[in-house]
Amino acid sequence: MLANVPEVFRGGERLGSVLFHLANGYVEAFIFYLLVVRLPLRRDRRNIYRNLEPLIARVVGEAISLMATLNRAAGFDSHRENTLANVQETCSRIGPQTPTNMLIASASPTAHAPMLDAINYHMDRARRVNREILDLSAFVASEVICLVNDIESQGYFRAFEFVYPLFKADQLNKSDLSFLCRHIFDYLLIVDRLDAYRRDFLPAPSPRPTYLISGSMRESDEVPLRHFSAPERGGDGNGMPTRPGEEHRASRAVKV
């Protein structure tokens, strides 16, 4: 493989053989790492980041929905700008029992949820999405994880968790929500930074598949899961769909 040349110094042949095998082993190890570790990891991260974008979009959506609920209850436009002065004004015009546009499903006659119950609903939804993101923490940038943790620890969640049990026990003596306005504004600041990361670094959301018809007036001639549909002939079978391979097994049993 190598040219037959005399040794330049004593023991050079053995040293050259050792170095050759070391270089060979290094190349083999690098190829193994590239094929078995690095490329699959890159693919997994690409897949995760494609799924991370809609998760962060849901976090942002929950913050927008929270402010829409607060603003509507205070008599303002639901998409009012979230300046500190506006958030303070909104919170000063609503109280713990202020009715919202959220309906209580179990109530008869129909009743609207009070403000603190509506805030608790938005907080629970936001926390569920936060947990989904934190479950991916091994693959997600530390900046994202830090921001999600900040939502949990620096937003309004902790302050709200302290007052909500008092509200449910009728022991909360507050006429408005001014005591929460700065906590809510901090929450909006953190979510805004998370949204900036999403827009700057994550791939754009995938377009809606063209074969889906909800939200449009298009017709479709497709028959989903046709393979599992029961044959339309009277008096034959029990009308239940056949599992893959079930028909083949049944016919084979008859032959035996």
C-alpha atoms as a PDB file:
ATOM      1  CA  MET A   1       0.000   0.000   0.000  1.00  0.00           C
ATOM      2  CA  LEU A   2       2.877   2.328   0.834  1.00  0.00           C
ATOM      3  CA  ALA A   3       6.050   2.671  -1.228  1.00  0.00           C
ATOM      4  CA  ASN A   4       9.011   0.580  -0.064  1.00  0.00           C
ATOM      5  CA  VAL A   5      11.423   3.228   1.142  1.00  0.00           C
ATOM      6  CA  PRO A   6      14.292   2.805   3.545  1.00  0.00           C
ATOM      7  CA  GLU A   7      13.961   4.030   7.108  1.00  0.00           C
ATOM      8  CA  VAL A   8      15.062   7.601   7.676  1.00  0.00           C
ATOM      9  CA  PHE A   9      15.939   6.728  11.268  1.00  0.00           C
ATOM     10  CA  ARG A  10      16.069   3.558  13.307  1.00  0.00           C
ATOM     11  CA  GLY A  11      12.557   2.332  14.239  1.00  0.00           C
ATOM     12  CA  GLY A  12      10.957   4.585  11.664  1.00  0.00           C
ATOM     13  CA  GLU A  13       9.112   1.710  10.002  1.00  0.00           C
ATOM     14  CA  ARG A  14       7.418   0.663  13.233  1.00  0.00           C
ATOM     15  CA  LEU A  15       6.564   4.267  14.113  1.00  0.00           C
ATOM     16  CA  GLY A  16       5.102   4.807  10.639  1.00  0.00           C
ATOM     17  CA  SER A  17       2.970   1.671  11.016  1.00  0.00           C
ATOM     18  CA  VAL A  18       1.653   2.871  14.392  1.00  0.00           C
ATOM     19  CA  LEU A  19       0.837   6.331  13.033  1.00  0.00           C
ATOM     20  CA  PHE A  20      -0.854   4.829   9.982  1.00  0.00           C
ATOM     21  CA  HIS A  21      -3.129   2.640  12.112  1.00  0.00           C
ATOM     22  CA  LEU A  22      -3.890   5.558  14.439  1.00  0.00           C
ATOM     23  CA  ALA A  23      -4.903   7.738  11.480  1.00  0.00           C
ATOM     24  CA  ASN A  24      -6.980   4.900  10.056  1.00  0.00           C
ATOM     25  CA  GLY A  25      -8.740   4.400  13.390  1.00  0.00           C
ATOM     26  CA  TYR A  26      -9.411   8.128  13.690  1.00  0.00           C
ATOM     27  CA  VAL A  27     -10.999   8.251  10.230  1.00  0.00           C
ATOM     28  CA  GLU A  28     -13.150   5.195  11.002  1.00  0.00           C
ATOM     29  CA  ALA A  29     -14.248   6.682  14.335  1.00  0.00           C
ATOM     30  CA  PHE A  30     -15.115   9.996  12.667  1.00  0.00           C
ATOM     31  CA  ILE A  31     -17.191   8.269   9.975  1.00  0.00           C
ATOM     32  CA  PHE A  32     -18.987   6.222  12.652  1.00  0.00           C
ATOM     33  CA  TYR A  33     -19.720   9.377  14.689  1.00  0.00           C
ATOM     34  CA  LEU A  34     -20.937  11.203  11.592  1.00  0.00           C
ATOM     35  CA  LEU A  35     -23.261   8.432  10.389  1.00  0.00           C
ATOM     36  CA  VAL A  36     -24.514   7.042  13.702  1.00  0.00           C
ATOM     37  CA  VAL A  37     -24.562  10.110  15.966  1.00  0.00           C
ATOM     38  CA  ARG A  38     -24.258  13.447  14.221  1.00  0.00           C
ATOM     39  CA  LEU A  39     -26.526  13.056  11.198  1.00  0.00           C
ATOM     40  CA  PRO A  40     -29.407  11.426  13.151  1.00  0.00           C
ATOM     41  CA  LEU A  41     -29.060  14.113  15.841  1.00  0.00           C
ATOM     42  CA  ARG A  42     -29.212  16.837  13.209  1.00  0.00           C
ATOM     43  CA  ARG A  43     -32.295  15.241  11.684  1.00  0.00           C
ATOM     44  CA  ASP A  44     -33.945  14.917  15.114  1.00  0.00           C
ATOM     45  CA  ARG A  45     -33.213  18.552  15.934  1.00  0.00           C
ATOM     46  CA  ARG A  46     -34.623  19.656  12.597  1.00  0.00           C
ATOM     47  CA  ASN A  47     -37.807  17.701  13.293  1.00  0.00           C
ATOM     48  CA  ILE A  48     -38.051  19.030  16.846  1.00  0.00           C
ATOM     49  CA  TYR A  49     -37.529  22.645  15.789  1.00  0.00           C
ATOM     50  CA  ARG A  50     -40.201  22.231  13.144  1.00  0.00           C
ATOM     51  CA  ASN A  51     -42.571  21.116  15.918  1.00  0.00           C
ATOM     52  CA  LEU A  52     -41.273  23.743  18.367  1.00  0.00           C
ATOM     53  CA  GLU A  53     -42.564  26.637  16.258  1.00  0.00           C
ATOM     54  CA  PRO A  54     -46.265  25.786  16.710  1.00  0.00           C
ATOM     55  CA  LEU A  55     -45.707  25.157  20.432  1.00  0.00           C
ATOM     56  CA  ILE A  56     -44.216  28.619  20.929  1.00  0.00           C
ATOM     57  CA  ALA A  57     -46.995  30.039  18.748  1.00  0.00           C
ATOM     58  CA  ARG A  58     -49.471  28.496  21.210  1.00  0.00           C
ATOM     59  CA  VAL A  59     -47.656  30.142  24.145  1.00  0.00           C
ATOM     60  CA  VAL A  60     -47.973  33.484  22.354  1.00  0.00           C
ATOM     61  CA  GLY A  61     -51.600  32.752  21.522  1.00  0.00           C
ATOM     62  CA  GLU A  62     -52.438  32.105  25.172  1.00  0.00           C
ATOM     63  CA  ALA A  63     -50.940  35.465  26.172  1.00  0.00           C
ATOM     64  CA  ILE A  64     -52.956  37.209  23.444  1.00  0.00           C
ATOM     65  CA  SER A  65     -56.126  35.395  24.552  1.00  0.00           C
ATOM     66  CA  LEU A  66     -55.544  36.383  28.183  1.00  0.00           C
ATOM     67  CA  MET A  67     -55.250  40.064  27.286  1.00  0.00           C
ATOM     68  CA  ALA A  68     -58.281  39.838  24.989  1.00  0.00           C
ATOM     69  CA  THR A  69     -60.323  38.473  27.915  1.00  0.00           C
ATOM     70  CA  LEU A  70     -59.102  41.223  30.263  1.00  0.00           C
ATOM     71  CA  ASN A  71     -59.597  44.035  27.736  1.00  0.00           C
ATOM     72  CA  ARG A  72     -63.107  42.955  26.721  1.00  0.00           C
ATOM     73  CA  ALA A  73     -64.182  42.684  30.361  1.00  0.00           C
ATOM     74  CA  ALA A  74     -62.818  46.193  30.978  1.00  0.00           C
ATOM     75  CA  GLY A  75     -64.740  47.570  27.999  1.00  0.00           C
ATOM     76  CA  PHE A  76     -61.752  48.053  25.703  1.00  0.00           C
ATOM     77  CA  ASP A  77     -60.902  46.682  22.275  1.00  0.00           C
ATOM     78  CA  SER A  78     -59.631  43.111  22.622  1.00  0.00           C
ATOM     79  CA  HIS A  79     -56.505  43.900  20.572  1.00  0.00           C
ATOM     80  CA  ARG A  80     -55.529  46.992  22.514  1.00  0.00           C
ATOM     81  CA  GLU A  81     -51.777  47.706  22.667  1.00  0.00           C
ATOM     82  CA  ASN A  82     -50.103  46.108  25.674  1.00  0.00           C
ATOM     83  CA  THR A  83     -48.303  49.156  27.047  1.00  0.00           C
ATOM     84  CA  LEU A  84     -47.727  49.274  30.797  1.00  0.00           C
ATOM     85  CA  ALA A  85     -50.189  52.170  31.122  1.00  0.00           C
ATOM     86  CA  ASN A  86     -52.849  50.241  29.178  1.00  0.00           C
ATOM     87  CA  VAL A  87     -52.361  47.070  31.221  1.00  0.00           C
ATOM     88  CA  GLN A  88     -52.591  49.102  34.440  1.00  0.00           C
ATOM     89  CA  GLU A  89     -55.773  50.813  33.242  1.00  0.00           C
ATOM     90  CA  THR A  90     -57.335  47.518  32.184  1.00  0.00           C
ATOM     91  CA  CYS A  91     -56.570  45.856  35.523  1.00  0.00           C
ATOM     92  CA  SER A  92     -57.903  48.872  37.439  1.00  0.00           C
ATOM     93  CA  ARG A  93     -61.289  48.575  35.714  1.00  0.00           C
ATOM     94  CA  ILE A  94     -61.932  44.890  36.417  1.00  0.00           C
ATOM     95  CA  GLY A  95     -62.304  42.993  39.669  1.00  0.00           C
ATOM     96  CA  PRO A  96     -62.130  39.348  40.766  1.00  0.00           C
ATOM     97  CA  GLN A  97     -65.869  38.875  40.146  1.00  0.00           C
ATOM     98  CA  THR A  98     -66.124  40.850  36.893  1.00  0.00           C
ATOM     99  CA  PRO A  99     -68.009  38.652  34.385  1.00  0.00           C
ATOM    100  CA  THR A 100     -66.143  37.628  31.245  1.00  0.00           C
ATOM    101  CA  ASN A 101     -67.252  36.342  27.849  1.00  0.00           C
ATOM    102  CA  MET A 102     -66.342  32.781  28.901  1.00  0.00           C
ATOM    103  CA  LEU A 103     -69.376  30.592  29.604  1.00  0.00           C
ATOM    104  CA  ILE A 104     -69.591  28.059  32.427  1.00  0.00           C
ATOM    105  CA  ALA A 105     -70.615  24.840  30.685  1.00  0.00           C
ATOM    106  CA  SER A 106     -72.233  23.241  33.755  1.00  0.00           C
ATOM    107  CA  ALA A 107     -74.272  26.316  34.729  1.00  0.00           C
ATOM    108  CA  SER A 108     -78.030  26.411  34.215  1.00  0.00           C
ATOM    109  CA  PRO A 109     -79.182  28.990  33.309  1.00  0.00           C
ATOM    110  CA  THR A 110     -76.162  30.076  31.289  1.00  0.00           C
ATOM    111  CA  ALA A 111     -73.600  31.988  33.360  1.00  0.00           C
ATOM    112  CA  HIS A 112     -70.369  33.771  32.545  1.00  0.00           C
ATOM    113  CA  ALA A 113     -67.167  32.858  34.370  1.00  0.00           C
ATOM    114  CA  PRO A 114     -65.858  35.469  36.822  1.00  0.00           C
ATOM    115  CA  MET A 115     -62.549  37.094  35.989  1.00  0.00           C
ATOM    116  CA  LEU A 116     -60.258  35.084  38.273  1.00  0.00           C
ATOM    117  CA  ASP A 117     -61.720  31.788  37.015  1.00  0.00           C
ATOM    118  CA  ALA A 118     -61.054  32.942  33.443  1.00  0.00           C
ATOM    119  CA  ILE A 119     -57.463  33.896  34.320  1.00  0.00           C
ATOM    120  CA  ASN A 120     -56.974  30.491  35.948  1.00  0.00           C
ATOM    121  CA  TYR A 121     -58.235  28.845  32.742  1.00  0.00           C
ATOM    122  CA  HIS A 122     -55.725  30.779  30.616  1.00  0.00           C
ATOM    123  CA  MET A 123     -52.909  29.993  33.064  1.00  0.00           C
ATOM    124  CA  ASP A 124     -53.629  26.245  32.981  1.00  0.00           C
ATOM    125  CA  ARG A 125     -53.630  26.217  29.181  1.00  0.00           C
ATOM    126  CA  ALA A 126     -50.353  28.152  29.033  1.00  0.00           C
ATOM    127  CA  ARG A 127     -48.745  25.806  31.547  1.00  0.00           C
ATOM    128  CA  ARG A 128     -49.688  22.731  29.544  1.00  0.00           C
ATOM    129  CA  VAL A 129     -47.847  24.139  26.524  1.00  0.00           C
ATOM    130  CA  ASN A 130     -44.885  25.131  28.704  1.00  0.00           C
ATOM    131  CA  ARG A 131     -44.585  21.532  29.899  1.00  0.00           C
ATOM    132  CA  GLU A 132     -44.586  20.265  26.314  1.00  0.00           C
ATOM    133  CA  ILE A 133     -41.675  22.585  25.502  1.00  0.00           C
ATOM    134  CA  LEU A 134     -39.753  21.668  28.660  1.00  0.00           C
ATOM    135  CA  ASP A 135     -40.109  17.986  27.753  1.00  0.00           C
ATOM    136  CA  LEU A 136     -37.918  18.780  24.714  1.00  0.00           C
ATOM    137  CA  SER A 137     -35.280  20.579  26.791  1.00  0.00           C
ATOM    138  CA  ALA A 138     -32.488  18.171  25.786  1.00  0.00           C
ATOM    139  CA  PHE A 139     -32.833  19.289  22.152  1.00  0.00           C
ATOM    140  CA  VAL A 140     -33.948  22.920  22.468  1.00  0.00           C
ATOM    141  CA  ALA A 141     -31.767  26.022  22.810  1.00  0.00           C
ATOM    142  CA  SER A 142     -31.120  27.049  26.405  1.00  0.00           C
ATOM    143  CA  GLU A 143     -32.501  30.525  25.619  1.00  0.00           C
ATOM    144  CA  VAL A 144     -35.938  29.026  24.953  1.00  0.00           C
ATOM    145  CA  ILE A 145     -35.848  26.903  28.103  1.00  0.00           C
ATOM    146  CA  CYS A 146     -34.803  29.918  30.206  1.00  0.00           C
ATOM    147  CA  LEU A 147     -37.655  32.010  28.812  1.00  0.00           C
ATOM    148  CA  VAL A 148     -40.218  29.270  29.449  1.00  0.00           C
ATOM    149  CA  ASN A 149     -38.915  28.889  33.009  1.00  0.00           C
ATOM    150  CA  ASP A 150     -39.151  32.663  33.417  1.00  0.00           C
ATOM    151  CA  ILE A 151     -42.820  32.499  32.416  1.00  0.00           C
ATOM    152  CA  GLU A 152     -43.369  30.043  35.252  1.00  0.00           C
ATOM    153  CA  SER A 153     -41.336  31.923  37.861  1.00  0.00           C
ATOM    154  CA  GLN A 154     -41.333  35.606  36.833  1.00  0.00           C
ATOM    155  CA  GLY A 155     -44.762  36.037  35.210  1.00  0.00           C
ATOM    156  CA  TYR A 156     -48.095  36.330  36.984  1.00  0.00           C
ATOM    157  CA  PHE A 157     -48.419  32.592  37.713  1.00  0.00           C
ATOM    158  CA  ARG A 158     -46.911  32.593  41.210  1.00  0.00           C
ATOM    159  CA  ALA A 159     -48.711  35.723  42.357  1.00  0.00           C
ATOM    160  CA  PHE A 160     -51.978  34.397  40.966  1.00  0.00           C
ATOM    161  CA  GLU A 161     -51.531  31.010  42.645  1.00  0.00           C
ATOM    162  CA  PHE A 162     -51.308  32.842  45.973  1.00  0.00           C
ATOM    163  CA  VAL A 163     -54.541  34.828  45.570  1.00  0.00           C
ATOM    164  CA  TYR A 164     -56.713  32.329  43.676  1.00  0.00           C
ATOM    165  CA  PRO A 165     -57.358  30.017  46.675  1.00  0.00           C
ATOM    166  CA  LEU A 166     -58.341  33.108  48.694  1.00  0.00           C
ATOM    167  CA  PHE A 167     -60.783  34.058  45.943  1.00  0.00           C
ATOM    168  CA  LYS A 168     -62.341  30.585  45.907  1.00  0.00           C
ATOM    169  CA  ALA A 169     -62.705  30.750  49.702  1.00  0.00           C
ATOM    170  CA  ASP A 170     -64.314  34.237  49.520  1.00  0.00           C
ATOM    171  CA  GLN A 171     -61.416  35.721  51.484  1.00  0.00           C
ATOM    172  CA  LEU A 172     -59.942  37.990  48.799  1.00  0.00           C
ATOM    173  CA  ASN A 173     -60.670  41.610  49.664  1.00  0.00           C
ATOM    174  CA  LYS A 174     -59.692  43.271  46.389  1.00  0.00           C
ATOM    175  CA  SER A 175     -61.915  45.612  44.409  1.00  0.00           C
ATOM    176  CA  ASP A 176     -59.804  45.433  41.238  1.00  0.00           C
ATOM    177  CA  LEU A 177     -56.820  43.583  39.748  1.00  0.00           C
ATOM    178  CA  SER A 178     -54.272  46.381  40.025  1.00  0.00           C
ATOM    179  CA  PHE A 179     -52.191  44.157  42.299  1.00  0.00           C
ATOM    180  CA  LEU A 180     -51.623  41.812  39.317  1.00  0.00           C
ATOM    181  CA  CYS A 181     -50.935  44.364  36.581  1.00  0.00           C
ATOM    182  CA  ARG A 182     -47.126  44.432  36.888  1.00  0.00           C
ATOM    183  CA  HIS A 183     -46.942  40.634  37.106  1.00  0.00           C
ATOM    184  CA  ILE A 184     -49.082  40.341  33.970  1.00  0.00           C
ATOM    185  CA  PHE A 185     -46.942  42.930  32.180  1.00  0.00           C
ATOM    186  CA  ASP A 186     -43.777  40.959  33.069  1.00  0.00           C
ATOM    187  CA  TYR A 187     -45.457  37.864  31.616  1.00  0.00           C
ATOM    188  CA  LEU A 188     -46.149  39.734  28.371  1.00  0.00           C
ATOM    189  CA  LEU A 189     -42.527  40.941  28.190  1.00  0.00           C
ATOM    190  CA  ILE A 190     -41.200  37.379  28.500  1.00  0.00           C
ATOM    191  CA  VAL A 191     -43.651  35.998  25.936  1.00  0.00           C
ATOM    192  CA  ASP A 192     -42.695  38.810  23.546  1.00  0.00           C
ATOM    193  CA  ARG A 193     -39.037  37.710  23.721  1.00  0.00           C
ATOM    194  CA  LEU A 194     -40.072  34.114  23.118  1.00  0.00           C
ATOM    195  CA  ASP A 195     -42.065  35.238  20.083  1.00  0.00           C
ATOM    196  CA  ALA A 196     -39.032  37.185  18.794  1.00  0.00           C
ATOM    197  CA  TYR A 197     -36.931  34.002  19.036  1.00  0.00           C
ATOM    198  CA  ARG A 198     -39.620  32.086  17.120  1.00  0.00           C
ATOM    199  CA  ARG A 199     -39.708  34.649  14.310  1.00  0.00           C
ATOM    200  CA  ASP A 200     -35.915  34.996  14.086  1.00  0.00           C
ATOM    201  CA  PHE A 201     -34.705  31.407  14.365  1.00  0.00           C
ATOM    202  CA  LEU A 202     -37.469  28.871  13.784  1.00  0.00           C
ATOM    203  CA  PRO A 203     -38.765  27.719  10.395  1.00  0.00           C
ATOM    204  CA  ALA A 204     -42.025  29.177   9.190  1.00  0.00           C
ATOM    205  CA  PRO A 205     -45.083  27.042   9.937  1.00  0.00           C
ATOM    206  CA  SER A 206     -45.921  24.450   7.312  1.00  0.00           C
ATOM    207  CA  PRO A 207     -48.756  25.454   4.969  1.00  0.00           C
ATOM    208  CA  ARG A 208     -52.106  23.808   5.521  1.00  0.00           C
ATOM    209  CA  PRO A 209     -52.451  20.622   3.412  1.00  0.00           C
ATOM    210  CA  THR A 210     -54.516  21.343   0.323  1.00  0.00           C
ATOM    211  CA  TYR A 211     -56.576  18.156   0.666  1.00  0.00           C
ATOM    212  CA  LEU A 212     -58.258  19.367   3.900  1.00  0.00           C
ATOM    213  CA  ILE A 213     -61.647  20.985   3.361  1.00  0.00           C
ATOM    214  CA  SER A 214     -62.662  22.585   6.692  1.00  0.00           C
ATOM    215  CA  GLY A 215     -62.893  26.347   6.438  1.00  0.00           C
ATOM    216  CA  SER A 216     -63.739  26.170   2.734  1.00  0.00           C
ATOM    217  CA  MET A 217     -66.697  25.324   0.514  1.00  0.00           C
ATOM    218  CA  ARG A 218     -64.783  22.781  -1.581  1.00  0.00           C
ATOM    219  CA  GLU A 219     -66.145  19.295  -2.154  1.00  0.00           C
ATOM    220  CA  SER A 220     -64.055  16.137  -1.926  1.00  0.00           C
ATOM    221  CA  ASP A 221     -64.451  12.817  -3.720  1.00  0.00           C
ATOM    222  CA  GLU A 222     -61.986  11.024  -1.439  1.00  0.00           C
ATOM    223  CA  VAL A 223     -63.168   8.108   0.726  1.00  0.00           C
ATOM    224  CA  PRO A 224     -60.910   8.057   3.811  1.00  0.00           C
ATOM    225  CA  LEU A 225     -60.072   4.604   5.202  1.00  0.00           C
ATOM    226  CA  ARG A 226     -61.816   2.925   2.289  1.00  0.00           C
ATOM    227  CA  HIS A 227     -59.850  -0.254   2.988  1.00  0.00           C
ATOM    228  CA  PHE A 228     -61.610  -0.633   6.356  1.00  0.00           C
ATOM    229  CA  SER A 229     -65.121   0.071   5.097  1.00  0.00           C
ATOM    230  CA  ALA A 230     -67.682  -2.742   5.246  1.00  0.00           C
ATOM    231  CA  PRO A 231     -68.929  -4.044   1.850  1.00  0.00           C
ATOM    232  CA  GLU A 232     -72.380  -2.713   0.986  1.00  0.00           C
ATOM    233  CA  ARG A 233     -74.249  -5.940   0.351  1.00  0.00           C
ATOM    234  CA  GLY A 234     -77.239  -7.118   2.331  1.00  0.00           C
ATOM    235  CA  GLY A 235     -77.232 -10.193   4.567  1.00  0.00           C
ATOM    236  CA  ASP A 236     -73.467 -10.714   4.476  1.00  0.00           C
ATOM    237  CA  GLY A 237     -71.377 -10.123   7.577  1.00  0.00           C
ATOM    238  CA  ASN A 238     -72.084  -8.014  10.637  1.00  0.00           C
ATOM    239  CA  GLY A 239     -71.276  -4.661   9.049  1.00  0.00           C
ATOM    240  CA  MET A 240     -68.025  -4.261  10.993  1.00  0.00           C
ATOM    241  CA  PRO A 241     -64.876  -3.140   9.171  1.00  0.00           C
ATOM    242  CA  THR A 242     -62.258  -5.761   8.481  1.00  0.00           C
ATOM    243  CA  ARG A 243     -58.801  -5.391   9.971  1.00  0.00           C
ATOM    244  CA  PRO A 244     -55.763  -5.739   7.712  1.00  0.00           C
ATOM    245  CA  GLY A 245     -55.068  -9.445   7.144  1.00  0.00           C
ATOM    246  CA  GLU A 246     -58.238 -10.555   8.962  1.00  0.00           C
ATOM    247  CA  GLU A 247     -60.033 -11.640   5.803  1.00  0.00           C
ATOM    248  CA  HIS A 248     -56.984 -13.636   4.697  1.00  0.00           C
ATOM    249  CA  ARG A 249     -56.769 -15.448   8.046  1.00  0.00           C
ATOM    250  CA  ALA A 250     -60.470 -16.265   7.989  1.00  0.00           C
ATOM    251  CA  SER A 251     -60.343 -17.809   4.508  1.00  0.00           C
ATOM    252  CA  ARG A 252     -57.284 -19.824   5.469  1.00  0.00           C
ATOM    253  CA  ALA A 253     -59.091 -21.196   8.528  1.00  0.00           C
ATOM    254  CA  VAL A 254     -61.997 -22.383   6.349  1.00  0.00           C
ATOM    255  CA  LYS A 255     -59.624 -24.275   4.079  1.00  0.00           C
ATOM    256  CA  VAL A 256     -58.123 -26.137   7.051  1.00  0.00           C
END
